[in-house]
């Protein structure tokens, strides 16, 4: 199960510039050593950059980059990390450019879980909130 809070950086006109970014933080609760898979896609003509960090761990950051419409895969795909022995994995996702971030999570009991983080860069109207989409999936026991 994932729990999180949305955190926004920037405001007003400054938030609409290409230099702006947004971040969100959440925690994945799963048995130790559960593998969490990280994949991203873009639906934007403007280049998207995502940094996934894992506060208070020695796990290396994951950087995803890409551009293109129609769920173009961000590179690199199929990254993964393991839940620490505590059973909790804190995750921070920072996306640029972005003026807003949406986050949704769901769990399927003991079998699997997923967190979706999507962003809007506000370069076109109406806002579609899918300019970059990052998917975290995990299956306890794997």
Protein backbone atom coordinates (compact mmCIF):
# COMPACT_ATOMS: atom_id res chain seq x y z
CA UNK A 1 0.00 0.00 0.00
CA UNK A 2 1.28 3.49 -0.79
CA UNK A 3 0.62 6.66 1.17
CA UNK A 4 1.63 10.13 0.07
CA UNK A 5 1.25 13.84 -0.01
CA UNK A 6 1.53 16.13 -3.01
CA UNK A 7 4.18 18.85 -2.70
CA UNK A 8 4.29 21.75 -5.16
CA UNK A 9 7.17 24.06 -5.96
CA UNK A 10 6.82 27.36 -7.78
CA UNK A 11 3.75 29.51 -8.22
CA UNK A 12 2.02 31.93 -10.55
CA UNK A 13 3.66 32.76 -13.87
CA UNK A 14 6.99 31.30 -12.77
CA UNK A 15 5.37 27.86 -12.51
CA UNK A 16 4.53 27.89 -16.21
CA UNK A 17 8.15 28.22 -17.36
CA UNK A 18 10.20 25.29 -18.61
CA UNK A 19 12.48 25.64 -15.58
CA UNK A 20 9.68 24.90 -13.10
CA UNK A 21 9.26 21.56 -11.41
CA UNK A 22 6.89 19.79 -9.08
CA UNK A 23 7.48 16.95 -6.67
CA UNK A 24 5.46 14.48 -4.68
CA UNK A 25 6.46 12.07 -1.92
CA UNK A 26 4.85 8.80 -0.91
CA UNK A 27 5.71 5.61 0.97
CA UNK A 28 5.34 2.07 -0.32
CA UNK A 29 4.67 -0.49 2.41
CA UNK A 30 5.58 -4.02 1.36
CA UNK A 31 7.62 -6.95 2.67
CA UNK A 32 11.41 -6.47 2.74
CA UNK A 33 13.15 -7.17 -0.57
CA UNK A 34 9.96 -6.73 -2.61
CA UNK A 35 11.05 -5.43 -6.01
CA UNK A 36 9.44 -2.13 -7.09
CA UNK A 37 9.47 -1.58 -10.86
CA UNK A 38 9.65 1.98 -12.23
CA UNK A 39 8.62 2.92 -15.79
CA UNK A 40 7.70 6.20 -17.45
CA UNK A 41 5.96 7.49 -20.56
CA UNK A 42 5.44 10.91 -22.16
CA UNK A 43 2.52 12.49 -23.92
CA UNK A 44 4.15 15.82 -24.71
CA UNK A 45 6.08 17.58 -27.46
CA UNK A 46 8.23 19.24 -24.78
CA UNK A 47 11.04 17.12 -23.28
CA UNK A 48 10.12 15.66 -19.88
CA UNK A 49 12.59 14.91 -17.09
CA UNK A 50 11.77 12.80 -14.03
CA UNK A 51 14.00 12.15 -11.03
CA UNK A 52 12.99 9.43 -8.58
CA UNK A 53 14.84 9.49 -5.28
CA UNK A 54 14.59 7.36 -2.18
CA UNK A 55 15.17 9.53 0.92
CA UNK A 56 16.97 8.02 3.91
CA UNK A 57 18.28 5.05 1.92
CA UNK A 58 21.44 4.25 0.01
CA UNK A 59 19.40 3.48 -3.13
CA UNK A 60 20.60 5.42 -6.19
CA UNK A 61 18.30 7.91 -7.89
CA UNK A 62 16.52 6.90 -11.08
CA UNK A 63 16.43 9.50 -13.89
CA UNK A 64 13.92 9.14 -16.72
CA UNK A 65 13.87 11.35 -19.82
CA UNK A 66 11.76 11.49 -22.94
CA UNK A 67 9.48 13.37 -25.27
CA UNK A 68 6.75 12.51 -27.70
CA UNK A 69 3.04 11.97 -27.85
CA UNK A 70 1.13 8.70 -27.59
CA UNK A 71 2.69 7.12 -24.48
CA UNK A 72 6.26 7.31 -25.77
CA UNK A 73 8.47 5.31 -23.38
CA UNK A 74 10.88 7.35 -21.28
CA UNK A 75 14.44 6.05 -21.08
CA UNK A 76 15.58 3.95 -19.41
CA UNK A 77 12.63 1.58 -18.98
CA UNK A 78 12.25 -1.30 -16.52
CA UNK A 79 14.24 0.14 -13.62
CA UNK A 80 13.73 -1.45 -10.22
CA UNK A 81 14.68 -1.13 -6.56
CA UNK A 82 14.04 -3.32 -3.52
CA UNK A 83 12.05 -2.39 -0.42
CA UNK A 84 14.46 -2.10 2.56
CA UNK A 85 14.34 -4.45 5.55
CA UNK A 86 12.05 -1.97 7.34
CA UNK A 87 9.22 -2.82 4.94
CA UNK A 88 8.84 0.86 4.01
CA UNK A 89 10.20 2.57 0.90
CA UNK A 90 9.98 6.37 0.86
CA UNK A 91 9.81 7.69 -2.72
CA UNK A 92 10.18 11.26 -4.01
CA UNK A 93 9.29 12.04 -7.62
CA UNK A 94 10.37 15.35 -9.14
CA UNK A 95 9.14 16.25 -12.65
CA UNK A 96 10.26 19.10 -14.90
CA UNK A 97 8.69 20.93 -16.59
CA UNK A 98 5.54 20.72 -14.54
CA UNK A 99 2.94 22.99 -13.02
CA UNK A 100 0.94 20.22 -11.37
CA UNK A 101 1.26 16.60 -10.30
CA UNK A 102 -1.47 14.05 -9.77
CA UNK A 103 -0.85 10.91 -7.74
CA UNK A 104 -2.96 7.80 -7.35
CA UNK A 105 -2.25 4.52 -5.63
CA UNK A 106 -3.98 1.24 -5.23
CA UNK A 107 -3.23 -2.09 -3.63
CA UNK A 108 -4.53 -5.52 -4.38
CA UNK A 109 -4.19 -7.07 -0.95
CA UNK A 110 -1.09 -9.16 -0.51
CA UNK A 111 -0.70 -9.70 -4.26
CA UNK A 112 0.35 -6.41 -5.84
CA UNK A 113 0.32 -2.64 -5.67
CA UNK A 114 0.73 0.32 -7.96
CA UNK A 115 1.34 4.05 -7.76
CA UNK A 116 0.80 6.36 -10.73
CA UNK A 117 2.31 9.85 -10.81
CA UNK A 118 1.27 12.09 -13.73
CA UNK A 119 2.12 15.70 -14.55
CA UNK A 120 1.00 18.68 -16.59
CA UNK A 121 3.49 21.08 -18.22
CA UNK A 122 0.74 23.53 -19.32
CA UNK A 123 2.20 24.16 -22.78
CA UNK A 124 -1.19 23.48 -24.42
CA UNK A 125 -4.78 23.94 -23.36
CA UNK A 126 -6.84 22.31 -22.12
CA UNK A 127 -4.60 20.68 -19.54
CA UNK A 128 -4.57 16.90 -19.96
CA UNK A 129 -2.43 15.97 -16.92
CA UNK A 130 -0.55 13.24 -18.77
CA UNK A 131 2.58 14.95 -20.10
CA UNK A 132 4.71 12.56 -18.10
CA UNK A 133 3.38 9.43 -16.43
CA UNK A 134 5.46 7.34 -14.02
CA UNK A 135 4.22 3.94 -12.91
CA UNK A 136 5.48 2.10 -9.83
CA UNK A 137 4.38 -1.54 -9.59
CA UNK A 138 5.25 -4.13 -6.99
CA UNK A 139 4.37 -7.71 -6.28
CA UNK A 140 5.14 -8.92 -2.74
CA UNK A 141 7.06 -12.18 -2.88
CA UNK A 142 9.08 -11.17 -5.96
